Every structure is written in C-alpha cells, then in structure tokens.
PDB file of N, CA and C in Angstrom:
ATOM      1  N   UNK A   1      35.281  13.425   7.142  1.00  0.00           N
ATOM      2  CA  UNK A   1      35.621  12.081   6.771  1.00  0.00           C
ATOM      3  C   UNK A   1      37.105  12.075   6.433  1.00  0.00           C
ATOM      4  N   UNK A   2      37.785  11.100   6.979  1.00  0.00           N
ATOM      5  CA  UNK A   2      39.244  11.055   6.866  1.00  0.00           C
ATOM      6  C   UNK A   2      39.689   9.647   6.489  1.00  0.00           C
ATOM      7  N   UNK A   3      40.731   9.576   5.706  1.00  0.00           N
ATOM      8  CA  UNK A   3      41.381   8.297   5.435  1.00  0.00           C
ATOM      9  C   UNK A   3      41.356   7.885   3.975  1.00  0.00           C
ATOM     10  N   UNK A   4      42.222   6.953   3.632  1.00  0.00           N
ATOM     11  CA  UNK A   4      42.347   6.528   2.252  1.00  0.00           C
ATOM     12  C   UNK A   4      41.134   5.782   1.705  1.00  0.00           C
ATOM     13  N   UNK A   5      40.261   5.301   2.568  1.00  0.00           N
ATOM     14  CA  UNK A   5      39.063   4.604   2.101  1.00  0.00           C
ATOM     15  C   UNK A   5      37.787   5.458   2.193  1.00  0.00           C
ATOM     16  N   UNK A   6      37.883   6.687   2.640  1.00  0.00           N
ATOM     17  CA  UNK A   6      36.702   7.527   2.781  1.00  0.00           C
ATOM     18  C   UNK A   6      36.045   7.836   1.436  1.00  0.00           C
ATOM     19  N   UNK A   7      36.839   7.892   0.391  1.00  0.00           N
ATOM     20  CA  UNK A   7      36.274   8.149  -0.932  1.00  0.00           C
ATOM     21  C   UNK A   7      36.563   6.969  -1.878  1.00  0.00           C
ATOM     22  N   UNK A   8      36.645   5.771  -1.311  1.00  0.00           N
ATOM     23  CA  UNK A   8      36.927   4.570  -2.090  1.00  0.00           C
ATOM     24  C   UNK A   8      35.629   3.836  -2.421  1.00  0.00           C
ATOM     25  N   UNK A   9      35.628   3.181  -3.542  1.00  0.00           N
ATOM     26  CA  UNK A   9      34.454   2.389  -3.909  1.00  0.00           C
ATOM     27  C   UNK A   9      34.837   0.910  -4.040  1.00  0.00           C
ATOM     28  N   UNK A  10      35.550   0.533  -5.053  1.00  0.00           N
ATOM     29  CA  UNK A  10      35.895  -0.869  -5.282  1.00  0.00           C
ATOM     30  C   UNK A  10      36.727  -1.455  -4.140  1.00  0.00           C
ATOM     31  N   UNK A  11      37.602  -0.672  -3.544  1.00  0.00           N
ATOM     32  CA  UNK A  11      38.421  -1.186  -2.444  1.00  0.00           C
ATOM     33  C   UNK A  11      37.585  -1.629  -1.259  1.00  0.00           C
ATOM     34  N   UNK A  12      36.398  -1.073  -1.104  1.00  0.00           N
ATOM     35  CA  UNK A  12      35.541  -1.432   0.026  1.00  0.00           C
ATOM     36  C   UNK A  12      34.919  -2.812  -0.125  1.00  0.00           C
ATOM     37  N   UNK A  13      34.970  -3.378  -1.324  1.00  0.00           N
ATOM     38  CA  UNK A  13      34.385  -4.701  -1.570  1.00  0.00           C
ATOM     39  C   UNK A  13      35.296  -5.851  -1.168  1.00  0.00           C
ATOM     40  N   UNK A  14      36.516  -5.608  -0.897  1.00  0.00           N
ATOM     41  CA  UNK A  14      37.568  -6.590  -0.650  1.00  0.00           C
ATOM     42  C   UNK A  14      38.109  -7.056  -1.980  1.00  0.00           C
ATOM     43  N   UNK A  15      38.841  -8.146  -1.962  1.00  0.00           N
ATOM     44  CA  UNK A  15      39.486  -8.588  -3.186  1.00  0.00           C
ATOM     45  C   UNK A  15      38.774  -9.761  -3.842  1.00  0.00           C
ATOM     46  N   UNK A  16      37.586 -10.083  -3.431  1.00  0.00           N
ATOM     47  CA  UNK A  16      36.823 -11.182  -4.019  1.00  0.00           C
ATOM     48  C   UNK A  16      35.572 -10.618  -4.681  1.00  0.00           C
ATOM     49  N   UNK A  17      35.741  -9.927  -5.788  1.00  0.00           N
ATOM     50  CA  UNK A  17      34.602  -9.287  -6.431  1.00  0.00           C
ATOM     51  C   UNK A  17      34.843  -9.150  -7.927  1.00  0.00           C
ATOM     52  N   UNK A  18      33.815  -8.858  -8.613  1.00  0.00           N
ATOM     53  CA  UNK A  18      33.893  -8.559 -10.039  1.00  0.00           C
ATOM     54  C   UNK A  18      33.591  -7.093 -10.260  1.00  0.00           C
ATOM     55  N   UNK A  19      33.236  -6.746 -11.450  1.00  0.00           N
ATOM     56  CA  UNK A  19      32.885  -5.365 -11.793  1.00  0.00           C
ATOM     57  C   UNK A  19      31.494  -5.047 -11.262  1.00  0.00           C
ATOM     58  N   UNK A  20      31.356  -3.929 -10.592  1.00  0.00           N
ATOM     59  CA  UNK A  20      30.061  -3.516 -10.066  1.00  0.00           C
ATOM     60  C   UNK A  20      29.903  -2.013 -10.282  1.00  0.00           C
ATOM     61  N   UNK A  21      29.081  -1.640 -11.267  1.00  0.00           N
ATOM     62  CA  UNK A  21      28.874  -0.207 -11.522  1.00  0.00           C
ATOM     63  C   UNK A  21      28.173   0.468 -10.349  1.00  0.00           C
ATOM     64  N   UNK A  22      27.313  -0.255  -9.660  1.00  0.00           N
ATOM     65  CA  UNK A  22      26.624   0.312  -8.496  1.00  0.00           C
ATOM     66  C   UNK A  22      27.639   0.694  -7.421  1.00  0.00           C
ATOM     67  N   UNK A  23      28.524  -0.207  -7.113  1.00  0.00           N
ATOM     68  CA  UNK A  23      29.534   0.063  -6.090  1.00  0.00           C
ATOM     69  C   UNK A  23      30.498   1.140  -6.562  1.00  0.00           C
ATOM     70  N   UNK A  24      30.846   1.136  -7.826  1.00  0.00           N
ATOM     71  CA  UNK A  24      31.796   2.116  -8.346  1.00  0.00           C
ATOM     72  C   UNK A  24      31.279   3.539  -8.209  1.00  0.00           C
ATOM     73  N   UNK A  25      29.972   3.711  -8.127  1.00  0.00           N
ATOM     74  CA  UNK A  25      29.410   5.062  -8.017  1.00  0.00           C
ATOM     75  C   UNK A  25      29.036   5.426  -6.581  1.00  0.00           C
ATOM     76  N   UNK A  26      29.447   4.611  -5.615  1.00  0.00           N
ATOM     77  CA  UNK A  26      29.145   4.870  -4.207  1.00  0.00           C
ATOM     78  C   UNK A  26      30.410   4.779  -3.372  1.00  0.00           C
ATOM     79  N   UNK A  27      30.613   5.760  -2.561  1.00  0.00           N
ATOM     80  CA  UNK A  27      31.718   5.748  -1.605  1.00  0.00           C
ATOM     81  C   UNK A  27      31.137   6.224  -0.272  1.00  0.00           C
ATOM     82  N   UNK A  28      31.828   6.000   0.829  1.00  0.00           N
ATOM     83  CA  UNK A  28      31.334   6.557   2.094  1.00  0.00           C
ATOM     84  C   UNK A  28      31.122   8.074   2.017  1.00  0.00           C
ATOM     85  N   UNK A  29      32.046   8.772   1.382  1.00  0.00           N
ATOM     86  CA  UNK A  29      31.926  10.231   1.252  1.00  0.00           C
ATOM     87  C   UNK A  29      30.691  10.611   0.439  1.00  0.00           C
ATOM     88  N   UNK A  30      30.492   9.978  -0.707  1.00  0.00           N
ATOM     89  CA  UNK A  30      29.300  10.273  -1.511  1.00  0.00           C
ATOM     90  C   UNK A  30      28.014   9.924  -0.768  1.00  0.00           C
ATOM     91  N   UNK A  31      27.999   8.805  -0.054  1.00  0.00           N
ATOM     92  CA  UNK A  31      26.813   8.403   0.692  1.00  0.00           C
ATOM     93  C   UNK A  31      26.478   9.431   1.764  1.00  0.00           C
ATOM     94  N   UNK A  32      27.479   9.922   2.454  1.00  0.00           N
ATOM     95  CA  UNK A  32      27.238  10.910   3.513  1.00  0.00           C
ATOM     96  C   UNK A  32      26.736  12.224   2.943  1.00  0.00           C
ATOM     97  N   UNK A  33      27.335  12.693   1.869  1.00  0.00           N
ATOM     98  CA  UNK A  33      26.890  13.959   1.296  1.00  0.00           C
ATOM     99  C   UNK A  33      25.498  13.841   0.678  1.00  0.00           C
ATOM    100  N   UNK A  34      25.149  12.671   0.184  1.00  0.00           N
ATOM    101  CA  UNK A  34      23.796  12.477  -0.349  1.00  0.00           C
ATOM    102  C   UNK A  34      22.770  12.343   0.773  1.00  0.00           C
ATOM    103  N   UNK A  35      23.139  11.666   1.849  1.00  0.00           N
ATOM    104  CA  UNK A  35      22.213  11.453   2.957  1.00  0.00           C
ATOM    105  C   UNK A  35      21.962  12.721   3.757  1.00  0.00           C
ATOM    106  N   UNK A  36      22.962  13.563   3.836  1.00  0.00           N
ATOM    107  CA  UNK A  36      22.856  14.801   4.621  1.00  0.00           C
ATOM    108  C   UNK A  36      23.230  15.998   3.749  1.00  0.00           C
ATOM    109  N   UNK A  37      22.387  16.339   2.775  1.00  0.00           N
ATOM    110  CA  UNK A  37      22.752  17.403   1.834  1.00  0.00           C
ATOM    111  C   UNK A  37      22.970  18.762   2.473  1.00  0.00           C
ATOM    112  N   UNK A  38      22.359  19.004   3.614  1.00  0.00           N
ATOM    113  CA  UNK A  38      22.532  20.311   4.245  1.00  0.00           C
ATOM    114  C   UNK A  38      23.735  20.343   5.196  1.00  0.00           C
ATOM    115  N   UNK A  39      24.349  19.198   5.437  1.00  0.00           N
ATOM    116  CA  UNK A  39      25.509  19.144   6.334  1.00  0.00           C
ATOM    117  C   UNK A  39      26.772  19.559   5.588  1.00  0.00           C
ATOM    118  N   UNK A  40      27.692  20.115   6.319  1.00  0.00           N
ATOM    119  CA  UNK A  40      29.001  20.460   5.740  1.00  0.00           C
ATOM    120  C   UNK A  40      29.938  19.278   5.995  1.00  0.00           C
ATOM    121  N   UNK A  41      30.152  18.478   4.964  1.00  0.00           N
ATOM    122  CA  UNK A  41      31.006  17.301   5.088  1.00  0.00           C
ATOM    123  C   UNK A  41      32.379  17.640   4.536  1.00  0.00           C
ATOM    124  N   UNK A  42      33.387  17.478   5.361  1.00  0.00           N
ATOM    125  CA  UNK A  42      34.764  17.739   4.965  1.00  0.00           C
ATOM    126  C   UNK A  42      35.479  16.422   4.765  1.00  0.00           C
ATOM    127  N   UNK A  43      36.362  16.374   3.770  1.00  0.00           N
ATOM    128  CA  UNK A  43      37.121  15.160   3.466  1.00  0.00           C
ATOM    129  C   UNK A  43      38.615  15.482   3.388  1.00  0.00           C
ATOM    130  N   UNK A  44      39.403  14.676   4.043  1.00  0.00           N
ATOM    131  CA  UNK A  44      40.859  14.757   3.931  1.00  0.00           C
ATOM    132  C   UNK A  44      41.392  13.337   3.877  1.00  0.00           C
ATOM    133  N   UNK A  45      42.089  13.001   2.816  1.00  0.00           N
ATOM    134  CA  UNK A  45      42.596  11.629   2.662  1.00  0.00           C
ATOM    135  C   UNK A  45      43.631  11.300   3.716  1.00  0.00           C
ATOM    136  N   UNK A  46      44.515  12.219   4.012  1.00  0.00           N
ATOM    137  CA  UNK A  46      45.513  12.001   5.055  1.00  0.00           C
ATOM    138  C   UNK A  46      46.741  11.240   4.591  1.00  0.00           C
ATOM    139  N   UNK A  47      46.525  10.072   3.964  1.00  0.00           N
ATOM    140  CA  UNK A  47      47.628   9.258   3.481  1.00  0.00           C
ATOM    141  C   UNK A  47      47.096   8.255   2.457  1.00  0.00           C
ATOM    142  N   UNK A  48      48.015   7.635   1.750  1.00  0.00           N
ATOM    143  CA  UNK A  48      47.651   6.554   0.850  1.00  0.00           C
ATOM    144  C   UNK A  48      47.599   5.248   1.626  1.00  0.00           C
ATOM    145  N   UNK A  49      47.158   4.200   0.967  1.00  0.00           N
ATOM    146  CA  UNK A  49      47.023   2.903   1.628  1.00  0.00           C
ATOM    147  C   UNK A  49      48.343   2.411   2.221  1.00  0.00           C
ATOM    148  N   UNK A  50      49.390   2.362   1.420  1.00  0.00           N
ATOM    149  CA  UNK A  50      50.641   1.752   1.888  1.00  0.00           C
ATOM    150  C   UNK A  50      51.840   2.692   1.854  1.00  0.00           C
ATOM    151  N   UNK A  51      51.632   3.936   1.566  1.00  0.00           N
ATOM    152  CA  UNK A  51      52.730   4.887   1.460  1.00  0.00           C
ATOM    153  C   UNK A  51      53.243   5.298   2.845  1.00  0.00           C
ATOM    154  N   UNK A  52      54.470   5.720   2.893  1.00  0.00           N
ATOM    155  CA  UNK A  52      55.042   6.271   4.123  1.00  0.00           C
ATOM    156  C   UNK A  52      55.050   7.801   4.096  1.00  0.00           C
ATOM    157  N   UNK A  53      54.343   8.387   3.146  1.00  0.00           N
ATOM    158  CA  UNK A  53      54.252   9.831   3.002  1.00  0.00           C
ATOM    159  C   UNK A  53      53.298  10.389   4.046  1.00  0.00           C
ATOM    160  N   UNK A  54      53.785  11.251   4.907  1.00  0.00           N
ATOM    161  CA  UNK A  54      52.975  11.847   5.975  1.00  0.00           C
ATOM    162  C   UNK A  54      52.516  13.266   5.653  1.00  0.00           C
ATOM    163  N   UNK A  55      52.760  13.746   4.446  1.00  0.00           N
ATOM    164  CA  UNK A  55      52.475  15.149   4.132  1.00  0.00           C
ATOM    165  C   UNK A  55      50.987  15.504   4.196  1.00  0.00           C
ATOM    166  N   UNK A  56      50.091  14.550   4.080  1.00  0.00           N
ATOM    167  CA  UNK A  56      48.665  14.837   4.143  1.00  0.00           C
ATOM    168  C   UNK A  56      48.062  14.744   5.532  1.00  0.00           C
ATOM    169  N   UNK A  57      48.832  14.280   6.498  1.00  0.00           N
ATOM    170  CA  UNK A  57      48.298  14.076   7.839  1.00  0.00           C
ATOM    171  C   UNK A  57      47.928  15.393   8.513  1.00  0.00           C
ATOM    172  N   UNK A  58      48.706  16.444   8.330  1.00  0.00           N
ATOM    173  CA  UNK A  58      48.408  17.734   8.967  1.00  0.00           C
ATOM    174  C   UNK A  58      47.043  18.261   8.522  1.00  0.00           C
ATOM    175  N   UNK A  59      46.709  18.135   7.241  1.00  0.00           N
ATOM    176  CA  UNK A  59      45.406  18.584   6.752  1.00  0.00           C
ATOM    177  C   UNK A  59      44.287  17.748   7.350  1.00  0.00           C
ATOM    178  N   UNK A  60      44.527  16.468   7.515  1.00  0.00           N
ATOM    179  CA  UNK A  60      43.514  15.592   8.135  1.00  0.00           C
ATOM    180  C   UNK A  60      43.308  15.943   9.601  1.00  0.00           C
ATOM    181  N   UNK A  61      44.369  16.262  10.294  1.00  0.00           N
ATOM    182  CA  UNK A  61      44.269  16.661  11.704  1.00  0.00           C
ATOM    183  C   UNK A  61      43.462  17.958  11.818  1.00  0.00           C
ATOM    184  N   UNK A  62      43.734  18.919  10.945  1.00  0.00           N
ATOM    185  CA  UNK A  62      42.988  20.174  10.969  1.00  0.00           C
ATOM    186  C   UNK A  62      41.507  19.949  10.648  1.00  0.00           C
ATOM    187  N   UNK A  63      41.228  19.077   9.684  1.00  0.00           N
ATOM    188  CA  UNK A  63      39.823  18.764   9.357  1.00  0.00           C
ATOM    189  C   UNK A  63      39.124  18.133  10.558  1.00  0.00           C
ATOM    190  N   UNK A  64      39.801  17.240  11.257  1.00  0.00           N
ATOM    191  CA  UNK A  64      39.209  16.593  12.431  1.00  0.00           C
ATOM    192  C   UNK A  64      38.989  17.600  13.557  1.00  0.00           C
ATOM    193  N   UNK A  65      39.923  18.476  13.780  1.00  0.00           N
ATOM    194  CA  UNK A  65      39.791  19.494  14.831  1.00  0.00           C
ATOM    195  C   UNK A  65      38.606  20.431  14.560  1.00  0.00           C
ATOM    196  N   UNK A  66      38.357  20.722  13.292  1.00  0.00           N
ATOM    197  CA  UNK A  66      37.288  21.648  12.931  1.00  0.00           C
ATOM    198  C   UNK A  66      35.909  20.990  12.883  1.00  0.00           C
ATOM    199  N   UNK A  67      35.862  19.681  12.968  1.00  0.00           N
ATOM    200  CA  UNK A  67      34.607  18.938  12.811  1.00  0.00           C
ATOM    201  C   UNK A  67      33.925  18.669  14.147  1.00  0.00           C
ATOM    202  N   UNK A  68      32.617  18.487  14.088  1.00  0.00           N
ATOM    203  CA  UNK A  68      31.867  18.032  15.264  1.00  0.00           C
ATOM    204  C   UNK A  68      32.127  16.552  15.519  1.00  0.00           C
ATOM    205  N   UNK A  69      32.337  15.810  14.454  1.00  0.00           N
ATOM    206  CA  UNK A  69      32.639  14.372  14.541  1.00  0.00           C
ATOM    207  C   UNK A  69      33.561  14.003  13.386  1.00  0.00           C
ATOM    208  N   UNK A  70      34.438  13.049  13.616  1.00  0.00           N
ATOM    209  CA  UNK A  70      35.324  12.563  12.557  1.00  0.00           C
ATOM    210  C   UNK A  70      35.141  11.060  12.417  1.00  0.00           C
ATOM    211  N   UNK A  71      35.008  10.620  11.192  1.00  0.00           N
ATOM    212  CA  UNK A  71      34.934   9.198  10.894  1.00  0.00           C
ATOM    213  C   UNK A  71      36.150   8.876  10.042  1.00  0.00           C
ATOM    214  N   UNK A  72      36.915   7.871  10.460  1.00  0.00           N
ATOM    215  CA  UNK A  72      38.169   7.545   9.788  1.00  0.00           C
ATOM    216  C   UNK A  72      38.028   6.188   9.107  1.00  0.00           C
ATOM    217  N   UNK A  73      38.393   6.147   7.823  1.00  0.00           N
ATOM    218  CA  UNK A  73      38.280   4.936   7.004  1.00  0.00           C
ATOM    219  C   UNK A  73      39.687   4.466   6.626  1.00  0.00           C
ATOM    220  N   UNK A  74      40.119   3.397   7.274  1.00  0.00           N
ATOM    221  CA  UNK A  74      41.449   2.833   7.060  1.00  0.00           C
ATOM    222  C   UNK A  74      41.335   1.404   6.545  1.00  0.00           C
ATOM    223  N   UNK A  75      42.442   0.816   6.138  1.00  0.00           N
ATOM    224  CA  UNK A  75      42.430  -0.583   5.737  1.00  0.00           C
ATOM    225  C   UNK A  75      43.424  -0.897   4.655  1.00  0.00           C
ATOM    226  N   UNK A  76      43.128  -1.955   3.923  1.00  0.00           N
ATOM    227  CA  UNK A  76      44.023  -2.432   2.876  1.00  0.00           C
ATOM    228  C   UNK A  76      43.284  -2.449   1.546  1.00  0.00           C
ATOM    229  N   UNK A  77      44.009  -2.755   0.502  1.00  0.00           N
ATOM    230  CA  UNK A  77      43.395  -3.010  -0.800  1.00  0.00           C
ATOM    231  C   UNK A  77      44.099  -4.208  -1.428  1.00  0.00           C
ATOM    232  N   UNK A  78      43.781  -4.497  -2.685  1.00  0.00           N
ATOM    233  CA  UNK A  78      44.368  -5.699  -3.269  1.00  0.00           C
ATOM    234  C   UNK A  78      45.847  -5.553  -3.633  1.00  0.00           C
ATOM    235  N   UNK A  79      46.440  -4.397  -3.398  1.00  0.00           N
ATOM    236  CA  UNK A  79      47.897  -4.297  -3.552  1.00  0.00           C
ATOM    237  C   UNK A  79      48.597  -4.872  -2.312  1.00  0.00           C
ATOM    238  N   UNK A  80      47.864  -5.003  -1.227  1.00  0.00           N
ATOM    239  CA  UNK A  80      48.414  -5.530   0.027  1.00  0.00           C
ATOM    240  C   UNK A  80      48.083  -7.018   0.189  1.00  0.00           C
ATOM    241  N   UNK A  81      46.874  -7.386  -0.184  1.00  0.00           N
ATOM    242  CA  UNK A  81      46.437  -8.782  -0.033  1.00  0.00           C
ATOM    243  C   UNK A  81      45.454  -9.115  -1.145  1.00  0.00           C
ATOM    244  N   UNK A  82      45.612 -10.294  -1.709  1.00  0.00           N
ATOM    245  CA  UNK A  82      44.705 -10.760  -2.752  1.00  0.00           C
ATOM    246  C   UNK A  82      44.809 -12.274  -2.852  1.00  0.00           C
ATOM    247  N   UNK A  83      44.041 -12.856  -3.715  1.00  0.00           N
ATOM    248  CA  UNK A  83      44.088 -14.297  -3.924  1.00  0.00           C
ATOM    249  C   UNK A  83      45.515 -14.723  -4.225  1.00  0.00           C
ATOM    250  N   UNK A  84      46.036 -15.644  -3.429  1.00  0.00           N
ATOM    251  CA  UNK A  84      47.402 -16.128  -3.625  1.00  0.00           C
ATOM    252  C   UNK A  84      48.466 -15.207  -3.063  1.00  0.00           C
ATOM    253  N   UNK A  85      48.067 -14.141  -2.400  1.00  0.00           N
ATOM    254  CA  UNK A  85      49.021 -13.186  -1.818  1.00  0.00           C
ATOM    255  C   UNK A  85      48.479 -12.757  -0.453  1.00  0.00           C
ATOM    256  N   UNK A  86      48.660 -13.598   0.547  1.00  0.00           N
ATOM    257  CA  UNK A  86      48.180 -13.309   1.888  1.00  0.00           C
ATOM    258  C   UNK A  86      49.210 -12.492   2.664  1.00  0.00           C
ATOM    259  N   UNK A  87      48.699 -11.774   3.637  1.00  0.00           N
ATOM    260  CA  UNK A  87      49.584 -10.984   4.502  1.00  0.00           C
ATOM    261  C   UNK A  87      50.073 -11.858   5.646  1.00  0.00           C
ATOM    262  N   UNK A  88      51.228 -11.529   6.183  1.00  0.00           N
ATOM    263  CA  UNK A  88      51.723 -12.231   7.363  1.00  0.00           C
ATOM    264  C   UNK A  88      51.570 -11.378   8.610  1.00  0.00           C
ATOM    265  N   UNK A  89      50.917 -10.222   8.461  1.00  0.00           N
ATOM    266  CA  UNK A  89      50.691  -9.308   9.582  1.00  0.00           C
ATOM    267  C   UNK A  89      49.331  -8.637   9.384  1.00  0.00           C
ATOM    268  N   UNK A  90      48.642  -8.388  10.483  1.00  0.00           N
ATOM    269  CA  UNK A  90      47.352  -7.693  10.380  1.00  0.00           C
ATOM    270  C   UNK A  90      47.479  -6.199  10.690  1.00  0.00           C
ATOM    271  N   UNK A  91      48.715  -5.729  10.790  1.00  0.00           N
ATOM    272  CA  UNK A  91      48.937  -4.301  11.047  1.00  0.00           C
ATOM    273  C   UNK A  91      48.488  -3.459   9.863  1.00  0.00           C
ATOM    274  N   UNK A  92      48.058  -2.242  10.146  1.00  0.00           N
ATOM    275  CA  UNK A  92      47.727  -1.304   9.072  1.00  0.00           C
ATOM    276  C   UNK A  92      48.996  -0.951   8.310  1.00  0.00           C
ATOM    277  N   UNK A  93      48.933  -0.957   6.986  1.00  0.00           N
ATOM    278  CA  UNK A  93      50.131  -0.632   6.211  1.00  0.00           C
ATOM    279  C   UNK A  93      50.425   0.866   6.180  1.00  0.00           C
ATOM    280  N   UNK A  94      51.652   1.188   5.769  1.00  0.00           N
ATOM    281  CA  UNK A  94      52.044   2.596   5.624  1.00  0.00           C
ATOM    282  C   UNK A  94      51.937   3.371   6.925  1.00  0.00           C
ATOM    283  N   UNK A  95      51.461   4.599   6.824  1.00  0.00           N
ATOM    284  CA  UNK A  95      51.367   5.482   7.992  1.00  0.00           C
ATOM    285  C   UNK A  95      49.915   5.630   8.480  1.00  0.00           C
ATOM    286  N   UNK A  96      49.068   4.653   8.157  1.00  0.00           N
ATOM    287  CA  UNK A  96      47.655   4.745   8.538  1.00  0.00           C
ATOM    288  C   UNK A  96      47.478   4.809  10.053  1.00  0.00           C
ATOM    289  N   UNK A  97      48.250   4.052  10.807  1.00  0.00           N
ATOM    290  CA  UNK A  97      48.136   4.113  12.271  1.00  0.00           C
ATOM    291  C   UNK A  97      48.531   5.503  12.783  1.00  0.00           C
ATOM    292  N   UNK A  98      49.519   6.087  12.164  1.00  0.00           N
ATOM    293  CA  UNK A  98      49.924   7.464  12.526  1.00  0.00           C
ATOM    294  C   UNK A  98      48.795   8.435  12.192  1.00  0.00           C
ATOM    295  N   UNK A  99      48.137   8.245  11.061  1.00  0.00           N
ATOM    296  CA  UNK A  99      46.997   9.096  10.693  1.00  0.00           C
ATOM    297  C   UNK A  99      45.911   8.971  11.757  1.00  0.00           C
ATOM    298  N   UNK A 100      45.621   7.757  12.187  1.00  0.00           N
ATOM    299  CA  UNK A 100      44.581   7.552  13.203  1.00  0.00           C
ATOM    300  C   UNK A 100      44.943   8.258  14.497  1.00  0.00           C
TER     301      UNK A 100
END
C-alpha cells in the first residue's frame, strides 16, 4: 500500500464531516491487515499531500517492485480544499503524480 492516504482515516471522509471515532480507528492499511492477517502487507507513504519533497518516493518504488500488487492512495485533504476554500485545479497537489 502506497501513498499519503493509505494510512489516513479522517482525510478519507472529505471535508464535510464531524468527529467519528469509528472512522478514526480505520484506515485502508488497517483494514487490509485485519482482513488478510496472514498476508504480508507493506506500506510506504511516498510523499505528503502537498509537499514537494520526493525523498520518500524511492522507498515506495522499492515496495511496489517487491509486491505482487500495489494499491496507491492519493488525493487531497482539507488543507487543499474546504468549505469556503475551493480549488481552481483538479490536479493532484505536490509530487503525488510523480509518486504514481
């Protein structure tokens, strides 16, 4: 599992939500490791949501090369778009496209 949202909980709800303890304790990574306890699930964040830091991409590439399958979780959070703060572009922020 790769990407800044692979181990995210609240960010997966979008920006129109309240407090949810159920969601806070579930992430794609946790769901996968719980659903397949005997599987070897590897996680590499690769990059932050909007950062231009590429230092984590090499580890993500190596994790993907070593895996039978890679699932990549990209997107935005409420630092990019929220009520009263719309985006003027639908492009992935930061270096997420490079990570992909």
